């Protein structure tokens, strides 16, 4: 059987965790930052974990991660 291609868009957005889940960067940090509080912006720096219902889709897009 041929190899499965990795979805390159997903590979740039998600990283595999040690437990088998996926982490990703937070949204809402690109623009219109002046009205957002410093606390909110600071908390958005941390990586988020993908919801369990979306993990199956991420595994299909990134079979070798």
PDB file of N, CA and C in Angstrom:
ATOM      1  N   UNK A   1       0.831  -1.193   0.000  1.00  0.00           N
ATOM      2  CA  UNK A   1       0.000   0.000   0.000  1.00  0.00           C
ATOM      3  C   UNK A   1       0.869   1.248   0.000  1.00  0.00           C
ATOM      4  N   UNK A   2       0.380   2.313  -0.649  1.00  0.00           N
ATOM      5  CA  UNK A   2       1.167   3.555  -0.641  1.00  0.00           C
ATOM      6  C   UNK A   2       1.078   4.250   0.717  1.00  0.00           C
ATOM      7  N   UNK A   3       2.025   5.127   0.919  1.00  0.00           N
ATOM      8  CA  UNK A   3       2.014   5.920   2.145  1.00  0.00           C
ATOM      9  C   UNK A   3       0.851   6.903   2.106  1.00  0.00           C
ATOM     10  N   UNK A   4       0.398   7.311   3.283  1.00  0.00           N
ATOM     11  CA  UNK A   4      -0.673   8.303   3.399  1.00  0.00           C
ATOM     12  C   UNK A   4      -0.030   9.672   3.532  1.00  0.00           C
ATOM     13  N   UNK A   5      -0.539  10.630   2.787  1.00  0.00           N
ATOM     14  CA  UNK A   5       0.007  11.985   2.882  1.00  0.00           C
ATOM     15  C   UNK A   5      -0.500  12.669   4.146  1.00  0.00           C
ATOM     16  N   UNK A   6       0.393  13.419   4.768  1.00  0.00           N
ATOM     17  CA  UNK A   6       0.025  14.240   5.920  1.00  0.00           C
ATOM     18  C   UNK A   6      -0.588  15.533   5.402  1.00  0.00           C
ATOM     19  N   UNK A   7      -1.671  15.961   6.025  1.00  0.00           N
ATOM     20  CA  UNK A   7      -2.270  17.249   5.694  1.00  0.00           C
ATOM     21  C   UNK A   7      -1.340  18.341   6.225  1.00  0.00           C
ATOM     22  N   UNK A   8      -0.724  19.099   5.329  1.00  0.00           N
ATOM     23  CA  UNK A   8       0.305  20.062   5.731  1.00  0.00           C
ATOM     24  C   UNK A   8      -0.273  21.211   6.552  1.00  0.00           C
ATOM     25  N   UNK A   9      -1.516  21.592   6.289  1.00  0.00           N
ATOM     26  CA  UNK A   9      -2.148  22.642   7.090  1.00  0.00           C
ATOM     27  C   UNK A   9      -2.314  22.211   8.537  1.00  0.00           C
ATOM     28  N   UNK A  10      -2.696  20.954   8.739  1.00  0.00           N
ATOM     29  CA  UNK A  10      -2.855  20.423  10.093  1.00  0.00           C
ATOM     30  C   UNK A  10      -1.501  20.279  10.771  1.00  0.00           C
ATOM     31  N   UNK A  11      -0.478  19.882  10.025  1.00  0.00           N
ATOM     32  CA  UNK A  11       0.848  19.685  10.605  1.00  0.00           C
ATOM     33  C   UNK A  11       1.422  20.997  11.141  1.00  0.00           C
ATOM     34  N   UNK A  12       1.044  22.109  10.523  1.00  0.00           N
ATOM     35  CA  UNK A  12       1.537  23.408  10.979  1.00  0.00           C
ATOM     36  C   UNK A  12       0.759  23.929  12.187  1.00  0.00           C
ATOM     37  N   UNK A  13      -0.433  23.403  12.415  1.00  0.00           N
ATOM     38  CA  UNK A  13      -1.293  23.915  13.479  1.00  0.00           C
ATOM     39  C   UNK A  13      -1.289  23.071  14.746  1.00  0.00           C
ATOM     40  N   UNK A  14      -1.088  21.760  14.607  1.00  0.00           N
ATOM     41  CA  UNK A  14      -1.225  20.853  15.740  1.00  0.00           C
ATOM     42  C   UNK A  14       0.078  20.144  16.048  1.00  0.00           C
ATOM     43  N   UNK A  15       0.272  19.815  17.319  1.00  0.00           N
ATOM     44  CA  UNK A  15       1.407  19.005  17.774  1.00  0.00           C
ATOM     45  C   UNK A  15       0.854  17.892  18.637  1.00  0.00           C
ATOM     46  N   UNK A  16       1.454  16.723  18.556  1.00  0.00           N
ATOM     47  CA  UNK A  16       1.006  15.578  19.345  1.00  0.00           C
ATOM     48  C   UNK A  16       1.511  15.701  20.782  1.00  0.00           C
ATOM     49  N   UNK A  17       0.676  15.365  21.750  1.00  0.00           N
ATOM     50  CA  UNK A  17       1.098  15.369  23.147  1.00  0.00           C
ATOM     51  C   UNK A  17       1.528  13.967  23.542  1.00  0.00           C
ATOM     52  N   UNK A  18       2.150  13.846  24.691  1.00  0.00           N
ATOM     53  CA  UNK A  18       2.619  12.545  25.145  1.00  0.00           C
ATOM     54  C   UNK A  18       1.498  11.562  25.412  1.00  0.00           C
ATOM     55  N   UNK A  19       0.323  12.077  25.757  1.00  0.00           N
ATOM     56  CA  UNK A  19      -0.821  11.216  26.066  1.00  0.00           C
ATOM     57  C   UNK A  19      -1.591  10.785  24.831  1.00  0.00           C
ATOM     58  N   UNK A  20      -1.211  11.291  23.661  1.00  0.00           N
ATOM     59  CA  UNK A  20      -1.919  10.924  22.438  1.00  0.00           C
ATOM     60  C   UNK A  20      -2.922  11.961  21.979  1.00  0.00           C
ATOM     61  N   UNK A  21      -3.059  13.057  22.713  1.00  0.00           N
ATOM     62  CA  UNK A  21      -3.947  14.126  22.285  1.00  0.00           C
ATOM     63  C   UNK A  21      -3.211  15.087  21.361  1.00  0.00           C
ATOM     64  N   UNK A  22      -3.814  16.214  21.081  1.00  0.00           N
ATOM     65  CA  UNK A  22      -3.191  17.223  20.230  1.00  0.00           C
ATOM     66  C   UNK A  22      -3.310  18.579  20.901  1.00  0.00           C
ATOM     67  N   UNK A  23      -2.267  19.391  20.777  1.00  0.00           N
ATOM     68  CA  UNK A  23      -2.321  20.755  21.283  1.00  0.00           C
ATOM     69  C   UNK A  23      -2.208  21.709  20.105  1.00  0.00           C
ATOM     70  N   UNK A  24      -2.706  22.918  20.307  1.00  0.00           N
ATOM     71  CA  UNK A  24      -2.704  23.908  19.236  1.00  0.00           C
ATOM     72  C   UNK A  24      -2.596  25.292  19.860  1.00  0.00           C
ATOM     73  N   UNK A  25      -2.294  26.268  19.036  1.00  0.00           N
ATOM     74  CA  UNK A  25      -2.234  27.646  19.507  1.00  0.00           C
ATOM     75  C   UNK A  25      -3.633  28.208  19.674  1.00  0.00           C
ATOM     76  N   UNK A  26      -3.752  29.211  20.538  1.00  0.00           N
ATOM     77  CA  UNK A  26      -5.050  29.833  20.789  1.00  0.00           C
ATOM     78  C   UNK A  26      -5.386  30.837  19.690  1.00  0.00           C
ATOM     79  N   UNK A  27      -6.665  31.055  19.491  1.00  0.00           N
ATOM     80  CA  UNK A  27      -7.114  32.070  18.540  1.00  0.00           C
ATOM     81  C   UNK A  27      -7.292  33.408  19.259  1.00  0.00           C
ATOM     82  N   UNK A  28      -7.671  34.426  18.542  1.00  0.00           N
ATOM     83  CA  UNK A  28      -7.953  35.779  19.056  1.00  0.00           C
ATOM     84  C   UNK A  28      -6.695  36.519  19.506  1.00  0.00           C
ATOM     85  N   UNK A  29      -5.556  36.243  18.894  1.00  0.00           N
ATOM     86  CA  UNK A  29      -4.320  36.944  19.275  1.00  0.00           C
ATOM     87  C   UNK A  29      -3.690  37.661  18.089  1.00  0.00           C
ATOM     88  N   UNK A  30      -4.411  37.829  16.992  1.00  0.00           N
ATOM     89  CA  UNK A  30      -3.825  38.397  15.774  1.00  0.00           C
ATOM     90  C   UNK A  30      -3.982  39.910  15.667  1.00  0.00           C
ATOM     91  N   UNK A  31      -5.157  40.398  15.967  1.00  0.00           N
ATOM     92  CA  UNK A  31      -5.401  41.835  15.797  1.00  0.00           C
ATOM     93  C   UNK A  31      -6.488  42.276  16.760  1.00  0.00           C
ATOM     94  N   UNK A  32      -6.762  43.603  16.781  1.00  0.00           N
ATOM     95  CA  UNK A  32      -7.711  44.219  17.718  1.00  0.00           C
ATOM     96  C   UNK A  32      -7.322  43.840  19.157  1.00  0.00           C
ATOM     97  N   UNK A  33      -6.047  44.066  19.478  1.00  0.00           N
ATOM     98  CA  UNK A  33      -5.545  43.664  20.786  1.00  0.00           C
ATOM     99  C   UNK A  33      -5.706  44.755  21.838  1.00  0.00           C
ATOM    100  N   UNK A  34      -5.972  45.989  21.422  1.00  0.00           N
ATOM    101  CA  UNK A  34      -6.014  47.091  22.386  1.00  0.00           C
ATOM    102  C   UNK A  34      -7.187  46.968  23.344  1.00  0.00           C
ATOM    103  N   UNK A  35      -8.300  46.447  22.873  1.00  0.00           N
ATOM    104  CA  UNK A  35      -9.474  46.345  23.751  1.00  0.00           C
ATOM    105  C   UNK A  35      -9.440  45.111  24.642  1.00  0.00           C
ATOM    106  N   UNK A  36      -8.531  44.185  24.365  1.00  0.00           N
ATOM    107  CA  UNK A  36      -8.432  42.975  25.180  1.00  0.00           C
ATOM    108  C   UNK A  36      -7.519  43.243  26.374  1.00  0.00           C
ATOM    109  N   UNK A  37      -7.899  42.710  27.511  1.00  0.00           N
ATOM    110  CA  UNK A  37      -7.126  42.962  28.722  1.00  0.00           C
ATOM    111  C   UNK A  37      -5.784  42.236  28.666  1.00  0.00           C
ATOM    112  N   UNK A  38      -4.836  42.736  29.427  1.00  0.00           N
ATOM    113  CA  UNK A  38      -3.506  42.123  29.490  1.00  0.00           C
ATOM    114  C   UNK A  38      -3.604  40.690  29.984  1.00  0.00           C
ATOM    115  N   UNK A  39      -4.473  40.461  30.949  1.00  0.00           N
ATOM    116  CA  UNK A  39      -4.656  39.106  31.482  1.00  0.00           C
ATOM    117  C   UNK A  39      -5.153  38.157  30.400  1.00  0.00           C
ATOM    118  N   UNK A  40      -6.104  38.610  29.623  1.00  0.00           N
ATOM    119  CA  UNK A  40      -6.671  37.771  28.559  1.00  0.00           C
ATOM    120  C   UNK A  40      -5.621  37.437  27.505  1.00  0.00           C
ATOM    121  N   UNK A  41      -4.835  38.440  27.113  1.00  0.00           N
ATOM    122  CA  UNK A  41      -3.787  38.212  26.113  1.00  0.00           C
ATOM    123  C   UNK A  41      -2.709  37.275  26.638  1.00  0.00           C
ATOM    124  N   UNK A  42      -2.363  37.418  27.909  1.00  0.00           N
ATOM    125  CA  UNK A  42      -1.347  36.560  28.523  1.00  0.00           C
ATOM    126  C   UNK A  42      -1.825  35.107  28.565  1.00  0.00           C
ATOM    127  N   UNK A  43      -3.082  34.907  28.907  1.00  0.00           N
ATOM    128  CA  UNK A  43      -3.616  33.546  28.978  1.00  0.00           C
ATOM    129  C   UNK A  43      -3.746  32.906  27.596  1.00  0.00           C
ATOM    130  N   UNK A  44      -3.862  33.721  26.562  1.00  0.00           N
ATOM    131  CA  UNK A  44      -3.960  33.183  25.200  1.00  0.00           C
ATOM    132  C   UNK A  44      -2.612  32.707  24.666  1.00  0.00           C
ATOM    133  N   UNK A  45      -1.517  33.010  25.361  1.00  0.00           N
ATOM    134  CA  UNK A  45      -0.196  32.533  24.927  1.00  0.00           C
ATOM    135  C   UNK A  45      -0.061  31.024  25.077  1.00  0.00           C
ATOM    136  N   UNK A  46      -0.728  30.473  26.100  1.00  0.00           N
ATOM    137  CA  UNK A  46      -0.594  29.050  26.388  1.00  0.00           C
ATOM    138  C   UNK A  46      -1.272  28.221  25.298  1.00  0.00           C
ATOM    139  N   UNK A  47      -0.720  27.060  25.060  1.00  0.00           N
ATOM    140  CA  UNK A  47      -1.312  26.158  24.073  1.00  0.00           C
ATOM    141  C   UNK A  47      -2.617  25.584  24.614  1.00  0.00           C
ATOM    142  N   UNK A  48      -3.564  25.353  23.712  1.00  0.00           N
ATOM    143  CA  UNK A  48      -4.835  24.740  24.076  1.00  0.00           C
ATOM    144  C   UNK A  48      -4.822  23.285  23.623  1.00  0.00           C
ATOM    145  N   UNK A  49      -5.675  22.482  24.227  1.00  0.00           N
ATOM    146  CA  UNK A  49      -5.801  21.076  23.843  1.00  0.00           C
ATOM    147  C   UNK A  49      -7.042  20.938  22.971  1.00  0.00           C
ATOM    148  N   UNK A  50      -6.929  20.179  21.892  1.00  0.00           N
ATOM    149  CA  UNK A  50      -8.060  19.968  21.000  1.00  0.00           C
ATOM    150  C   UNK A  50      -9.144  19.179  21.725  1.00  0.00           C
ATOM    151  N   UNK A  51     -10.376  19.512  21.455  1.00  0.00           N
ATOM    152  CA  UNK A  51     -11.513  18.819  22.064  1.00  0.00           C
ATOM    153  C   UNK A  51     -11.490  17.340  21.678  1.00  0.00           C
ATOM    154  N   UNK A  52     -11.834  16.464  22.611  1.00  0.00           N
ATOM    155  CA  UNK A  52     -11.774  15.019  22.318  1.00  0.00           C
ATOM    156  C   UNK A  52     -12.557  14.581  21.082  1.00  0.00           C
ATOM    157  N   UNK A  53     -13.632  15.280  20.750  1.00  0.00           N
ATOM    158  CA  UNK A  53     -14.412  14.907  19.569  1.00  0.00           C
ATOM    159  C   UNK A  53     -13.682  15.231  18.269  1.00  0.00           C
ATOM    160  N   UNK A  54     -12.660  16.097  18.318  1.00  0.00           N
ATOM    161  CA  UNK A  54     -11.908  16.457  17.117  1.00  0.00           C
ATOM    162  C   UNK A  54     -10.607  15.678  16.978  1.00  0.00           C
ATOM    163  N   UNK A  55     -10.245  14.889  17.979  1.00  0.00           N
ATOM    164  CA  UNK A  55      -8.960  14.174  17.944  1.00  0.00           C
ATOM    165  C   UNK A  55      -8.937  13.164  16.809  1.00  0.00           C
ATOM    166  N   UNK A  56     -10.049  12.469  16.581  1.00  0.00           N
ATOM    167  CA  UNK A  56     -10.111  11.453  15.523  1.00  0.00           C
ATOM    168  C   UNK A  56      -9.804  12.078  14.155  1.00  0.00           C
ATOM    169  N   UNK A  57     -10.346  13.257  13.908  1.00  0.00           N
ATOM    170  CA  UNK A  57     -10.108  13.962  12.656  1.00  0.00           C
ATOM    171  C   UNK A  57      -8.636  14.351  12.525  1.00  0.00           C
ATOM    172  N   UNK A  58      -8.025  14.801  13.618  1.00  0.00           N
ATOM    173  CA  UNK A  58      -6.627  15.198  13.584  1.00  0.00           C
ATOM    174  C   UNK A  58      -5.720  13.996  13.331  1.00  0.00           C
ATOM    175  N   UNK A  59      -6.057  12.850  13.899  1.00  0.00           N
ATOM    176  CA  UNK A  59      -5.260  11.629  13.667  1.00  0.00           C
ATOM    177  C   UNK A  59      -5.316  11.237  12.201  1.00  0.00           C
ATOM    178  N   UNK A  60      -6.466  11.375  11.587  1.00  0.00           N
ATOM    179  CA  UNK A  60      -6.592  11.040  10.158  1.00  0.00           C
ATOM    180  C   UNK A  60      -5.769  11.981   9.281  1.00  0.00           C
ATOM    181  N   UNK A  61      -5.697  13.248   9.680  1.00  0.00           N
ATOM    182  CA  UNK A  61      -4.940  14.220   8.888  1.00  0.00           C
ATOM    183  C   UNK A  61      -3.447  14.090   9.110  1.00  0.00           C
ATOM    184  N   UNK A  62      -3.044  13.570  10.287  1.00  0.00           N
ATOM    185  CA  UNK A  62      -1.621  13.456  10.616  1.00  0.00           C
ATOM    186  C   UNK A  62      -1.318  12.011  11.046  1.00  0.00           C
ATOM    187  N   UNK A  63      -1.250  11.080  10.113  1.00  0.00           N
ATOM    188  CA  UNK A  63      -1.124   9.665  10.475  1.00  0.00           C
ATOM    189  C   UNK A  63       0.226   9.291  11.088  1.00  0.00           C
ATOM    190  N   UNK A  64       1.273  10.061  10.831  1.00  0.00           N
ATOM    191  CA  UNK A  64       2.618   9.672  11.284  1.00  0.00           C
ATOM    192  C   UNK A  64       3.138  10.524  12.433  1.00  0.00           C
ATOM    193  N   UNK A  65       2.265  11.332  13.035  1.00  0.00           N
ATOM    194  CA  UNK A  65       2.745  12.193  14.123  1.00  0.00           C
ATOM    195  C   UNK A  65       2.798  11.431  15.436  1.00  0.00           C
TER     196      UNK A  65
END
